PDB file of N, CA and C in Angstrom:
ATOM      1  N   UNK A   1     -33.030 -33.200  -3.805  1.00  0.00           N
ATOM      2  CA  UNK A   1     -31.619 -33.536  -3.658  1.00  0.00           C
ATOM      3  C   UNK A   1     -31.488 -34.479  -2.461  1.00  0.00           C
ATOM      4  N   UNK A   2     -30.728 -35.515  -2.626  1.00  0.00           N
ATOM      5  CA  UNK A   2     -30.542 -36.501  -1.557  1.00  0.00           C
ATOM      6  C   UNK A   2     -29.731 -35.904  -0.422  1.00  0.00           C
ATOM      7  N   UNK A   3     -29.904 -36.460   0.756  1.00  0.00           N
ATOM      8  CA  UNK A   3     -29.177 -36.014   1.939  1.00  0.00           C
ATOM      9  C   UNK A   3     -27.676 -36.206   1.747  1.00  0.00           C
ATOM     10  N   UNK A   4     -27.275 -37.273   1.099  1.00  0.00           N
ATOM     11  CA  UNK A   4     -25.859 -37.532   0.835  1.00  0.00           C
ATOM     12  C   UNK A   4     -25.253 -36.425  -0.024  1.00  0.00           C
ATOM     13  N   UNK A   5     -25.981 -35.965  -1.014  1.00  0.00           N
ATOM     14  CA  UNK A   5     -25.504 -34.888  -1.876  1.00  0.00           C
ATOM     15  C   UNK A   5     -25.421 -33.567  -1.108  1.00  0.00           C
ATOM     16  N   UNK A   6     -26.386 -33.336  -0.221  1.00  0.00           N
ATOM     17  CA  UNK A   6     -26.362 -32.118   0.588  1.00  0.00           C
ATOM     18  C   UNK A   6     -25.146 -32.110   1.515  1.00  0.00           C
ATOM     19  N   UNK A   7     -24.852 -33.242   2.135  1.00  0.00           N
ATOM     20  CA  UNK A   7     -23.666 -33.341   2.999  1.00  0.00           C
ATOM     21  C   UNK A   7     -22.386 -33.118   2.198  1.00  0.00           C
ATOM     22  N   UNK A   8     -22.316 -33.741   1.028  1.00  0.00           N
ATOM     23  CA  UNK A   8     -21.140 -33.566   0.182  1.00  0.00           C
ATOM     24  C   UNK A   8     -20.962 -32.095  -0.210  1.00  0.00           C
ATOM     25  N   UNK A   9     -22.053 -31.457  -0.613  1.00  0.00           N
ATOM     26  CA  UNK A   9     -21.995 -30.055  -1.021  1.00  0.00           C
ATOM     27  C   UNK A   9     -21.575 -29.159   0.151  1.00  0.00           C
ATOM     28  N   UNK A  10     -22.134 -29.405   1.327  1.00  0.00           N
ATOM     29  CA  UNK A  10     -21.769 -28.614   2.501  1.00  0.00           C
ATOM     30  C   UNK A  10     -20.295 -28.824   2.843  1.00  0.00           C
ATOM     31  N   UNK A  11     -19.834 -30.057   2.803  1.00  0.00           N
ATOM     32  CA  UNK A  11     -18.436 -30.374   3.087  1.00  0.00           C
ATOM     33  C   UNK A  11     -17.517 -29.714   2.061  1.00  0.00           C
ATOM     34  N   UNK A  12     -17.887 -29.790   0.795  1.00  0.00           N
ATOM     35  CA  UNK A  12     -17.086 -29.232  -0.286  1.00  0.00           C
ATOM     36  C   UNK A  12     -16.984 -27.701  -0.168  1.00  0.00           C
ATOM     37  N   UNK A  13     -18.119 -27.045   0.069  1.00  0.00           N
ATOM     38  CA  UNK A  13     -18.129 -25.579   0.183  1.00  0.00           C
ATOM     39  C   UNK A  13     -17.319 -25.135   1.398  1.00  0.00           C
ATOM     40  N   UNK A  14     -17.456 -25.844   2.511  1.00  0.00           N
ATOM     41  CA  UNK A  14     -16.697 -25.502   3.716  1.00  0.00           C
ATOM     42  C   UNK A  14     -15.200 -25.645   3.471  1.00  0.00           C
ATOM     43  N   UNK A  15     -14.796 -26.750   2.891  1.00  0.00           N
ATOM     44  CA  UNK A  15     -13.374 -26.962   2.606  1.00  0.00           C
ATOM     45  C   UNK A  15     -12.854 -25.965   1.584  1.00  0.00           C
ATOM     46  N   UNK A  16     -13.636 -25.633   0.595  1.00  0.00           N
ATOM     47  CA  UNK A  16     -13.230 -24.644  -0.395  1.00  0.00           C
ATOM     48  C   UNK A  16     -13.022 -23.278   0.273  1.00  0.00           C
ATOM     49  N   UNK A  17     -13.905 -22.909   1.181  1.00  0.00           N
ATOM     50  CA  UNK A  17     -13.762 -21.656   1.920  1.00  0.00           C
ATOM     51  C   UNK A  17     -12.508 -21.641   2.771  1.00  0.00           C
ATOM     52  N   UNK A  18     -12.222 -22.752   3.433  1.00  0.00           N
ATOM     53  CA  UNK A  18     -11.017 -22.850   4.261  1.00  0.00           C
ATOM     54  C   UNK A  18      -9.762 -22.729   3.397  1.00  0.00           C
ATOM     55  N   UNK A  19      -9.754 -23.390   2.263  1.00  0.00           N
ATOM     56  CA  UNK A  19      -8.596 -23.328   1.368  1.00  0.00           C
ATOM     57  C   UNK A  19      -8.386 -21.903   0.876  1.00  0.00           C
ATOM     58  N   UNK A  20      -9.460 -21.211   0.514  1.00  0.00           N
ATOM     59  CA  UNK A  20      -9.345 -19.822   0.047  1.00  0.00           C
ATOM     60  C   UNK A  20      -8.801 -18.937   1.159  1.00  0.00           C
ATOM     61  N   UNK A  21      -9.294 -19.092   2.372  1.00  0.00           N
ATOM     62  CA  UNK A  21      -8.800 -18.301   3.506  1.00  0.00           C
ATOM     63  C   UNK A  21      -7.327 -18.588   3.793  1.00  0.00           C
ATOM     64  N   UNK A  22      -6.932 -19.850   3.737  1.00  0.00           N
ATOM     65  CA  UNK A  22      -5.527 -20.198   3.968  1.00  0.00           C
ATOM     66  C   UNK A  22      -4.627 -19.612   2.883  1.00  0.00           C
ATOM     67  N   UNK A  23      -5.055 -19.685   1.642  1.00  0.00           N
ATOM     68  CA  UNK A  23      -4.257 -19.110   0.554  1.00  0.00           C
ATOM     69  C   UNK A  23      -4.116 -17.598   0.715  1.00  0.00           C
ATOM     70  N   UNK A  24      -5.180 -16.931   1.134  1.00  0.00           N
ATOM     71  CA  UNK A  24      -5.111 -15.483   1.352  1.00  0.00           C
ATOM     72  C   UNK A  24      -4.151 -15.168   2.498  1.00  0.00           C
ATOM     73  N   UNK A  25      -4.219 -15.942   3.582  1.00  0.00           N
ATOM     74  CA  UNK A  25      -3.330 -15.712   4.721  1.00  0.00           C
ATOM     75  C   UNK A  25      -1.870 -15.961   4.337  1.00  0.00           C
ATOM     76  N   UNK A  26      -1.614 -17.003   3.586  1.00  0.00           N
ATOM     77  CA  UNK A  26      -0.246 -17.311   3.154  1.00  0.00           C
ATOM     78  C   UNK A  26       0.270 -16.214   2.233  1.00  0.00           C
ATOM     79  N   UNK A  27      -0.573 -15.765   1.319  1.00  0.00           N
ATOM     80  CA  UNK A  27      -0.172 -14.705   0.395  1.00  0.00           C
ATOM     81  C   UNK A  27       0.171 -13.419   1.143  1.00  0.00           C
ATOM     82  N   UNK A  28      -0.645 -13.032   2.105  1.00  0.00           N
ATOM     83  CA  UNK A  28      -0.371 -11.831   2.889  1.00  0.00           C
ATOM     84  C   UNK A  28       0.916 -11.982   3.689  1.00  0.00           C
ATOM     85  N   UNK A  29       1.111 -13.145   4.266  1.00  0.00           N
ATOM     86  CA  UNK A  29       2.306 -13.384   5.065  1.00  0.00           C
ATOM     87  C   UNK A  29       3.563 -13.323   4.204  1.00  0.00           C
ATOM     88  N   UNK A  30       3.542 -13.973   3.055  1.00  0.00           N
ATOM     89  CA  UNK A  30       4.696 -13.949   2.159  1.00  0.00           C
ATOM     90  C   UNK A  30       4.980 -12.539   1.667  1.00  0.00           C
ATOM     91  N   UNK A  31       3.938 -11.820   1.321  1.00  0.00           N
ATOM     92  CA  UNK A  31       4.109 -10.447   0.839  1.00  0.00           C
ATOM     93  C   UNK A  31       4.735  -9.576   1.915  1.00  0.00           C
ATOM     94  N   UNK A  32       4.240  -9.700   3.128  1.00  0.00           N
ATOM     95  CA  UNK A  32       4.769  -8.902   4.234  1.00  0.00           C
ATOM     96  C   UNK A  32       6.217  -9.268   4.533  1.00  0.00           C
ATOM     97  N   UNK A  33       6.512 -10.548   4.592  1.00  0.00           N
ATOM     98  CA  UNK A  33       7.871 -10.988   4.875  1.00  0.00           C
ATOM     99  C   UNK A  33       8.830 -10.603   3.752  1.00  0.00           C
ATOM    100  N   UNK A  34       8.377 -10.668   2.505  1.00  0.00           N
ATOM    101  CA  UNK A  34       9.232 -10.293   1.387  1.00  0.00           C
ATOM    102  C   UNK A  34       9.525  -8.802   1.423  1.00  0.00           C
ATOM    103  N   UNK A  35       8.508  -7.991   1.721  1.00  0.00           N
ATOM    104  CA  UNK A  35       8.731  -6.550   1.837  1.00  0.00           C
ATOM    105  C   UNK A  35       9.722  -6.240   2.943  1.00  0.00           C
ATOM    106  N   UNK A  36       9.627  -6.942   4.046  1.00  0.00           N
ATOM    107  CA  UNK A  36      10.570  -6.751   5.148  1.00  0.00           C
ATOM    108  C   UNK A  36      11.985  -7.120   4.700  1.00  0.00           C
ATOM    109  N   UNK A  37      12.117  -8.215   3.979  1.00  0.00           N
ATOM    110  CA  UNK A  37      13.421  -8.655   3.473  1.00  0.00           C
ATOM    111  C   UNK A  37      14.024  -7.612   2.533  1.00  0.00           C
ATOM    112  N   UNK A  38      13.219  -7.091   1.620  1.00  0.00           N
ATOM    113  CA  UNK A  38      13.706  -6.086   0.668  1.00  0.00           C
ATOM    114  C   UNK A  38      14.126  -4.814   1.404  1.00  0.00           C
ATOM    115  N   UNK A  39      13.326  -4.391   2.366  1.00  0.00           N
ATOM    116  CA  UNK A  39      13.676  -3.187   3.128  1.00  0.00           C
ATOM    117  C   UNK A  39      14.971  -3.375   3.899  1.00  0.00           C
ATOM    118  N   UNK A  40      15.162  -4.541   4.501  1.00  0.00           N
ATOM    119  CA  UNK A  40      16.400  -4.814   5.238  1.00  0.00           C
ATOM    120  C   UNK A  40      17.605  -4.834   4.292  1.00  0.00           C
ATOM    121  N   UNK A  41      17.443  -5.416   3.108  1.00  0.00           N
ATOM    122  CA  UNK A  41      18.533  -5.461   2.133  1.00  0.00           C
ATOM    123  C   UNK A  41      18.880  -4.051   1.661  1.00  0.00           C
ATOM    124  N   UNK A  42      17.873  -3.228   1.414  1.00  0.00           N
ATOM    125  CA  UNK A  42      18.125  -1.841   1.011  1.00  0.00           C
ATOM    126  C   UNK A  42      18.842  -1.079   2.120  1.00  0.00           C
ATOM    127  N   UNK A  43      18.389  -1.261   3.350  1.00  0.00           N
ATOM    128  CA  UNK A  43      19.014  -0.588   4.480  1.00  0.00           C
ATOM    129  C   UNK A  43      20.486  -0.988   4.604  1.00  0.00           C
ATOM    130  N   UNK A  44      20.769  -2.269   4.451  1.00  0.00           N
ATOM    131  CA  UNK A  44      22.146  -2.750   4.554  1.00  0.00           C
ATOM    132  C   UNK A  44      23.002  -2.175   3.423  1.00  0.00           C
ATOM    133  N   UNK A  45      22.444  -2.104   2.223  1.00  0.00           N
ATOM    134  CA  UNK A  45      23.175  -1.552   1.081  1.00  0.00           C
ATOM    135  C   UNK A  45      23.490  -0.070   1.314  1.00  0.00           C
ATOM    136  N   UNK A  46      22.516   0.677   1.797  1.00  0.00           N
ATOM    137  CA  UNK A  46      22.736   2.097   2.078  1.00  0.00           C
ATOM    138  C   UNK A  46      23.772   2.273   3.175  1.00  0.00           C
ATOM    139  N   UNK A  47      23.686   1.445   4.197  1.00  0.00           N
ATOM    140  CA  UNK A  47      24.648   1.508   5.301  1.00  0.00           C
ATOM    141  C   UNK A  47      26.073   1.232   4.795  1.00  0.00           C
ATOM    142  N   UNK A  48      26.226   0.212   3.947  1.00  0.00           N
ATOM    143  CA  UNK A  48      27.542  -0.101   3.375  1.00  0.00           C
ATOM    144  C   UNK A  48      28.051   1.027   2.488  1.00  0.00           C
ATOM    145  N   UNK A  49      27.148   1.610   1.712  1.00  0.00           N
ATOM    146  CA  UNK A  49      27.546   2.722   0.841  1.00  0.00           C
ATOM    147  C   UNK A  49      28.015   3.917   1.661  1.00  0.00           C
ATOM    148  N   UNK A  50      27.326   4.208   2.738  1.00  0.00           N
ATOM    149  CA  UNK A  50      27.724   5.315   3.613  1.00  0.00           C
ATOM    150  C   UNK A  50      29.105   5.053   4.204  1.00  0.00           C
ATOM    151  N   UNK A  51      29.343   3.827   4.614  1.00  0.00           N
ATOM    152  CA  UNK A  51      30.648   3.486   5.186  1.00  0.00           C
ATOM    153  C   UNK A  51      31.757   3.659   4.136  1.00  0.00           C
ATOM    154  N   UNK A  52      31.516   3.203   2.907  1.00  0.00           N
ATOM    155  CA  UNK A  52      32.524   3.325   1.855  1.00  0.00           C
ATOM    156  C   UNK A  52      32.769   4.789   1.477  1.00  0.00           C
ATOM    157  N   UNK A  53      31.708   5.558   1.375  1.00  0.00           N
ATOM    158  CA  UNK A  53      31.868   6.972   1.059  1.00  0.00           C
ATOM    159  C   UNK A  53      32.594   7.701   2.177  1.00  0.00           C
ATOM    160  N   UNK A  54      32.278   7.351   3.391  1.00  0.00           N
ATOM    161  CA  UNK A  54      32.931   7.952   4.557  1.00  0.00           C
ATOM    162  C   UNK A  54      34.433   7.653   4.557  1.00  0.00           C
ATOM    163  N   UNK A  55      34.762   6.398   4.308  1.00  0.00           N
ATOM    164  CA  UNK A  55      36.172   6.001   4.282  1.00  0.00           C
ATOM    165  C   UNK A  55      36.902   6.708   3.146  1.00  0.00           C
ATOM    166  N   UNK A  56      36.261   6.808   2.005  1.00  0.00           N
ATOM    167  CA  UNK A  56      36.880   7.481   0.859  1.00  0.00           C
ATOM    168  C   UNK A  56      37.119   8.961   1.168  1.00  0.00           C
ATOM    169  N   UNK A  57      36.163   9.608   1.785  1.00  0.00           N
ATOM    170  CA  UNK A  57      36.323  11.028   2.115  1.00  0.00           C
ATOM    171  C   UNK A  57      37.414  11.221   3.162  1.00  0.00           C
ATOM    172  N   UNK A  58      37.482  10.329   4.138  1.00  0.00           N
ATOM    173  CA  UNK A  58      38.500  10.463   5.187  1.00  0.00           C
ATOM    174  C   UNK A  58      39.906  10.286   4.625  1.00  0.00           C
ATOM    175  N   UNK A  59      40.073   9.454   3.635  1.00  0.00           N
ATOM    176  CA  UNK A  59      41.393   9.227   3.044  1.00  0.00           C
ATOM    177  C   UNK A  59      41.858  10.452   2.256  1.00  0.00           C
ATOM    178  N   UNK A  60      40.974  11.035   1.458  1.00  0.00           N
ATOM    179  CA  UNK A  60      41.400  12.121   0.570  1.00  0.00           C
ATOM    180  C   UNK A  60      40.953  13.511   1.027  1.00  0.00           C
ATOM    181  N   UNK A  61      40.115  13.580   2.048  1.00  0.00           N
ATOM    182  CA  UNK A  61      39.568  14.849   2.542  1.00  0.00           C
ATOM    183  C   UNK A  61      38.861  15.665   1.460  1.00  0.00           C
ATOM    184  N   UNK A  62      38.340  14.984   0.465  1.00  0.00           N
ATOM    185  CA  UNK A  62      37.529  15.647  -0.560  1.00  0.00           C
ATOM    186  C   UNK A  62      36.698  14.583  -1.285  1.00  0.00           C
ATOM    187  N   UNK A  63      35.767  15.081  -2.098  1.00  0.00           N
ATOM    188  CA  UNK A  63      34.943  14.178  -2.890  1.00  0.00           C
ATOM    189  C   UNK A  63      35.517  13.998  -4.298  1.00  0.00           C
ATOM    190  N   UNK A  64      36.657  14.560  -4.549  1.00  0.00           N
ATOM    191  CA  UNK A  64      37.237  14.515  -5.894  1.00  0.00           C
ATOM    192  C   UNK A  64      37.433  13.084  -6.419  1.00  0.00           C
ATOM    193  N   UNK A  65      37.929  12.129  -5.624  1.00  0.00           N
ATOM    194  CA  UNK A  65      38.042  10.756  -6.154  1.00  0.00           C
ATOM    195  C   UNK A  65      36.697  10.169  -6.575  1.00  0.00           C
ATOM    196  N   UNK A  66      35.652  10.535  -5.863  1.00  0.00           N
ATOM    197  CA  UNK A  66      34.318  10.047  -6.229  1.00  0.00           C
ATOM    198  C   UNK A  66      33.879  10.736  -7.513  1.00  0.00           C
ATOM    199  N   UNK A  67      34.116  12.022  -7.587  1.00  0.00           N
ATOM    200  CA  UNK A  67      33.725  12.793  -8.774  1.00  0.00           C
ATOM    201  C   UNK A  67      34.472  12.268 -10.001  1.00  0.00           C
ATOM    202  N   UNK A  68      35.765  11.978  -9.831  1.00  0.00           N
ATOM    203  CA  UNK A  68      36.571  11.476 -10.947  1.00  0.00           C
ATOM    204  C   UNK A  68      36.393   9.986 -11.184  1.00  0.00           C
ATOM    205  N   UNK A  69      35.558   9.346 -10.334  1.00  0.00           N
ATOM    206  CA  UNK A  69      35.301   7.914 -10.436  1.00  0.00           C
ATOM    207  C   UNK A  69      36.572   7.084 -10.307  1.00  0.00           C
ATOM    208  N   UNK A  70      37.405   7.467  -9.344  1.00  0.00           N
ATOM    209  CA  UNK A  70      38.665   6.777  -9.082  1.00  0.00           C
ATOM    210  C   UNK A  70      38.504   5.957  -7.808  1.00  0.00           C
ATOM    211  N   UNK A  71      38.938   4.713  -7.860  1.00  0.00           N
ATOM    212  CA  UNK A  71      38.882   3.889  -6.651  1.00  0.00           C
ATOM    213  C   UNK A  71      40.129   4.135  -5.810  1.00  0.00           C
ATOM    214  N   UNK A  72      39.915   4.174  -4.515  1.00  0.00           N
ATOM    215  CA  UNK A  72      41.027   4.413  -3.584  1.00  0.00           C
ATOM    216  C   UNK A  72      41.467   3.098  -2.997  1.00  0.00           C
TER     217      UNK A  72
END
């Protein structure tokens, strides 16, 4: 094998390894950030639901409007 081909092969394998490592790092980062986003959205939804349920209970002093599915 010629020296030129050996250099090309070494360069190609090195760059391929770097690309694979970068793709893995990007994938892990996106996955982690997306999970954080979903958890924050769920937390906010639960917090809003608690506030609405609290307000509903304070207005009627019972859970009956919720049970009857009536909006206050």
